[in-house]
C-alpha atoms as a PDB file:
ATOM      1  CA  MET A   1     -64.211  65.611  -8.314  1.00  0.00           C
ATOM      2  CA  MET A   2     -64.999  63.084  -5.360  1.00  0.00           C
ATOM      3  CA  THR A   3     -69.281  63.128  -4.145  1.00  0.00           C
ATOM      4  CA  ASN A   4     -69.053  61.553  -0.783  1.00  0.00           C
ATOM      5  CA  GLN A   5     -66.629  63.866   1.421  1.00  0.00           C
ATOM      6  CA  HIS A   6     -64.849  62.031   4.178  1.00  0.00           C
ATOM      7  CA  PRO A   7     -66.845  63.234   7.691  1.00  0.00           C
ATOM      8  CA  ILE A   8     -62.986  65.277   8.880  1.00  0.00           C
ATOM      9  CA  THR A   9     -62.714  67.053   5.790  1.00  0.00           C
ATOM     10  CA  PRO A  10     -61.657  70.616   6.245  1.00  0.00           C
ATOM     11  CA  PRO A  11     -63.925  72.988   5.283  1.00  0.00           C
ATOM     12  CA  PRO A  12     -62.483  74.882   1.961  1.00  0.00           C
ATOM     13  CA  GLU A  13     -61.614  78.072   4.546  1.00  0.00           C
ATOM     14  CA  LEU A  14     -59.673  76.519   6.921  1.00  0.00           C
ATOM     15  CA  VAL A  15     -57.965  74.805   3.999  1.00  0.00           C
ATOM     16  CA  GLN A  16     -57.466  78.084   1.951  1.00  0.00           C
ATOM     17  CA  GLN A  17     -56.089  80.093   5.162  1.00  0.00           C
ATOM     18  CA  TRP A  18     -53.570  76.971   5.849  1.00  0.00           C
ATOM     19  CA  ILE A  19     -51.952  77.966   2.345  1.00  0.00           C
ATOM     20  CA  GLU A  20     -52.200  81.853   3.429  1.00  0.00           C
ATOM     21  CA  SER A  21     -49.835  80.527   6.765  1.00  0.00           C
ATOM     22  CA  THR A  22     -47.467  79.433   4.316  1.00  0.00           C
ATOM     23  CA  ARG A  23     -46.917  81.930   2.708  1.00  0.00           C
ATOM     24  CA  SER A  24     -43.328  83.796   2.705  1.00  0.00           C
ATOM     25  CA  ASP A  25     -43.017  87.180   4.523  1.00  0.00           C
ATOM     26  CA  ASP A  26     -39.872  88.099   2.472  1.00  0.00           C
ATOM     27  CA  CYS A  27     -41.484  87.982  -1.221  1.00  0.00           C
ATOM     28  CA  ILE A  28     -45.890  88.609  -1.293  1.00  0.00           C
ATOM     29  CA  GLY A  29     -47.584  85.819  -2.954  1.00  0.00           C
ATOM     30  CA  ALA A  30     -44.852  83.378  -2.907  1.00  0.00           C
ATOM     31  CA  TYR A  31     -44.717  79.472  -1.514  1.00  0.00           C
ATOM     32  CA  PRO A  32     -42.180  78.124  -0.056  1.00  0.00           C
ATOM     33  CA  ALA A  33     -40.614  75.359  -1.066  1.00  0.00           C
ATOM     34  CA  ASN A  34     -42.398  72.281   1.312  1.00  0.00           C
ATOM     35  CA  LEU A  35     -45.895  73.814   1.169  1.00  0.00           C
ATOM     36  CA  GLU A  36     -47.376  71.007   0.358  1.00  0.00           C
ATOM     37  CA  GLN A  37     -46.282  69.004   3.661  1.00  0.00           C
ATOM     38  CA  GLN A  38     -46.442  71.939   5.800  1.00  0.00           C
ATOM     39  CA  ILE A  39     -50.399  71.454   4.758  1.00  0.00           C
ATOM     40  CA  CYS A  40     -50.457  68.035   5.367  1.00  0.00           C
ATOM     41  CA  VAL A  41     -48.730  68.308   8.464  1.00  0.00           C
ATOM     42  CA  LEU A  42     -52.385  70.534   9.241  1.00  0.00           C
ATOM     43  CA  ALA A  43     -54.025  68.462   7.730  1.00  0.00           C
ATOM     44  CA  ALA A  44     -52.951  65.951   9.970  1.00  0.00           C
ATOM     45  CA  GLN A  45     -53.587  67.383  12.768  1.00  0.00           C
ATOM     46  CA  TYR A  46     -56.884  68.899  11.841  1.00  0.00           C
ATOM     47  CA  GLY A  47     -57.819  65.649  11.600  1.00  0.00           C
ATOM     48  CA  ALA A  48     -56.897  63.867  15.007  1.00  0.00           C
ATOM     49  CA  ASP A  49     -58.260  67.313  17.025  1.00  0.00           C
ATOM     50  CA  GLN A  50     -61.592  65.830  15.459  1.00  0.00           C
ATOM     51  CA  GLU A  51     -60.961  62.006  15.820  1.00  0.00           C
ATOM     52  CA  LEU A  52     -60.296  63.294  19.322  1.00  0.00           C
ATOM     53  CA  GLU A  53     -62.483  65.333  20.041  1.00  0.00           C
ATOM     54  CA  ALA A  54     -65.600  62.759  19.140  1.00  0.00           C
ATOM     55  CA  CYS A  55     -63.858  60.234  20.807  1.00  0.00           C
ATOM     56  CA  CYS A  56     -64.328  62.434  24.113  1.00  0.00           C
ATOM     57  CA  GLU A  57     -67.686  63.374  23.091  1.00  0.00           C
ATOM     58  CA  TRP A  58     -69.371  59.429  22.730  1.00  0.00           C
ATOM     59  CA  PHE A  59     -67.637  58.669  26.088  1.00  0.00           C
ATOM     60  CA  VAL A  60     -68.985  61.295  27.502  1.00  0.00           C
ATOM     61  CA  ARG A  61     -72.373  61.168  26.356  1.00  0.00           C
ATOM     62  CA  GLU A  62     -71.582  56.718  26.890  1.00  0.00           C
ATOM     63  CA  TRP A  63     -70.212  56.927  30.446  1.00  0.00           C
ATOM     64  CA  THR A  64     -71.101  60.487  31.277  1.00  0.00           C
ATOM     65  CA  ASP A  65     -67.819  60.974  32.808  1.00  0.00           C
ATOM     66  CA  VAL A  66     -66.463  64.279  32.089  1.00  0.00           C
ATOM     67  CA  GLU A  67     -63.426  63.431  34.004  1.00  0.00           C
ATOM     68  CA  THR A  68     -62.205  60.902  32.164  1.00  0.00           C
ATOM     69  CA  ALA A  69     -62.831  62.806  28.636  1.00  0.00           C
ATOM     70  CA  ASP A  70     -60.514  65.279  29.854  1.00  0.00           C
ATOM     71  CA  ALA A  71     -57.032  63.503  31.191  1.00  0.00           C
ATOM     72  CA  LEU A  72     -57.705  61.769  27.808  1.00  0.00           C
ATOM     73  CA  ARG A  73     -57.499  64.859  26.026  1.00  0.00           C
ATOM     74  CA  ALA A  74     -55.140  66.560  28.146  1.00  0.00           C
ATOM     75  CA  ALA A  75     -52.685  63.137  27.708  1.00  0.00           C
ATOM     76  CA  ARG A  76     -52.984  63.096  23.738  1.00  0.00           C
ATOM     77  CA  ARG A  77     -52.883  67.098  23.647  1.00  0.00           C
ATOM     78  CA  PRO A  78     -50.828  67.703  26.245  1.00  0.00           C
ATOM     79  CA  LYS A  79     -49.750  72.049  26.074  1.00  0.00           C
ATOM     80  CA  PRO A  80     -46.277  72.671  25.756  1.00  0.00           C
ATOM     81  CA  THR A  81     -44.346  73.693  28.890  1.00  0.00           C
ATOM     82  CA  LEU A  82     -43.359  77.654  29.309  1.00  0.00           C
ATOM     83  CA  LYS A  83     -39.424  76.327  28.407  1.00  0.00           C
ATOM     84  CA  GLU A  84     -40.452  75.014  25.168  1.00  0.00           C
ATOM     85  CA  GLN A  85     -42.929  78.055  24.843  1.00  0.00           C
ATOM     86  CA  ALA A  86     -39.792  80.152  25.344  1.00  0.00           C
ATOM     87  CA  LEU A  87     -37.902  78.242  22.871  1.00  0.00           C
ATOM     88  CA  ASP A  88     -40.738  78.174  19.461  1.00  0.00           C
ATOM     89  CA  VAL A  89     -40.593  81.956  20.289  1.00  0.00           C
ATOM     90  CA  LEU A  90     -36.825  82.764  20.395  1.00  0.00           C
ATOM     91  CA  LYS A  91     -36.600  80.185  17.144  1.00  0.00           C
ATOM     92  CA  ASP A  92     -39.313  82.481  15.557  1.00  0.00           C
ATOM     93  CA  LEU A  93     -37.618  85.530  16.209  1.00  0.00           C
ATOM     94  CA  SER A  94     -33.954  84.314  14.792  1.00  0.00           C
ATOM     95  CA  ASN A  95     -36.179  84.036  12.077  1.00  0.00           C
ATOM     96  CA  GLY A  96     -37.542  87.915  12.025  1.00  0.00           C
ATOM     97  CA  ILE A  97     -41.097  86.726  13.341  1.00  0.00           C
ATOM     98  CA  GLU A  98     -41.875  88.212  16.363  1.00  0.00           C
ATOM     99  CA  THR A  99     -45.758  88.832  17.788  1.00  0.00           C
ATOM    100  CA  ALA A 100     -46.577  91.501  21.036  1.00  0.00           C
ATOM    101  CA  ASP A 101     -45.608  89.161  23.801  1.00  0.00           C
ATOM    102  CA  SER A 102     -42.783  86.715  22.595  1.00  0.00           C
ATOM    103  CA  TRP A 103     -40.136  88.873  24.447  1.00  0.00           C
ATOM    104  CA  VAL A 104     -43.284  89.149  28.223  1.00  0.00           C
ATOM    105  CA  LEU A 105     -43.067  85.382  27.516  1.00  0.00           C
ATOM    106  CA  ILE A 106     -39.258  84.715  27.785  1.00  0.00           C
ATOM    107  CA  GLN A 107     -39.015  86.541  30.424  1.00  0.00           C
ATOM    108  CA  SER A 108     -41.024  85.309  31.903  1.00  0.00           C
ATOM    109  CA  ALA A 109     -39.289  81.475  30.927  1.00  0.00           C
ATOM    110  CA  LEU A 110     -36.251  83.770  31.837  1.00  0.00           C
ATOM    111  CA  GLU A 111     -37.543  84.115  36.143  1.00  0.00           C
ATOM    112  CA  GLN A 112     -38.500  81.144  36.425  1.00  0.00           C
ATOM    113  CA  LEU A 113     -34.588  79.690  36.532  1.00  0.00           C
ATOM    114  CA  ASP A 114     -33.067  79.921  39.211  1.00  0.00           C
ATOM    115  CA  ASP A 115     -30.270  81.690  40.343  1.00  0.00           C
END
């Protein structure tokens, strides 16, 4: 076992949350065949997010430029458009995953379409 932990190591609770979130709803206790890949993607995203936040904090501390740090954060972690969100929700719905606001989000996206 390693004695030195990397500074961007996810807490054990978060790792457990990732494991639980990848479980199949169809079969209690079952894990998907690509569990390791899904967790690796989540871990990579976590590490990249931690590094981005550290860079933004450094920038603000060294240059006292919050606006540029915010612009960097927005450029590197753009928010999905309403269309992209609706498509993701539609994909989830086709897989039997529905949230409280699934239909509201799709309706909002459709309302923005030109007639």
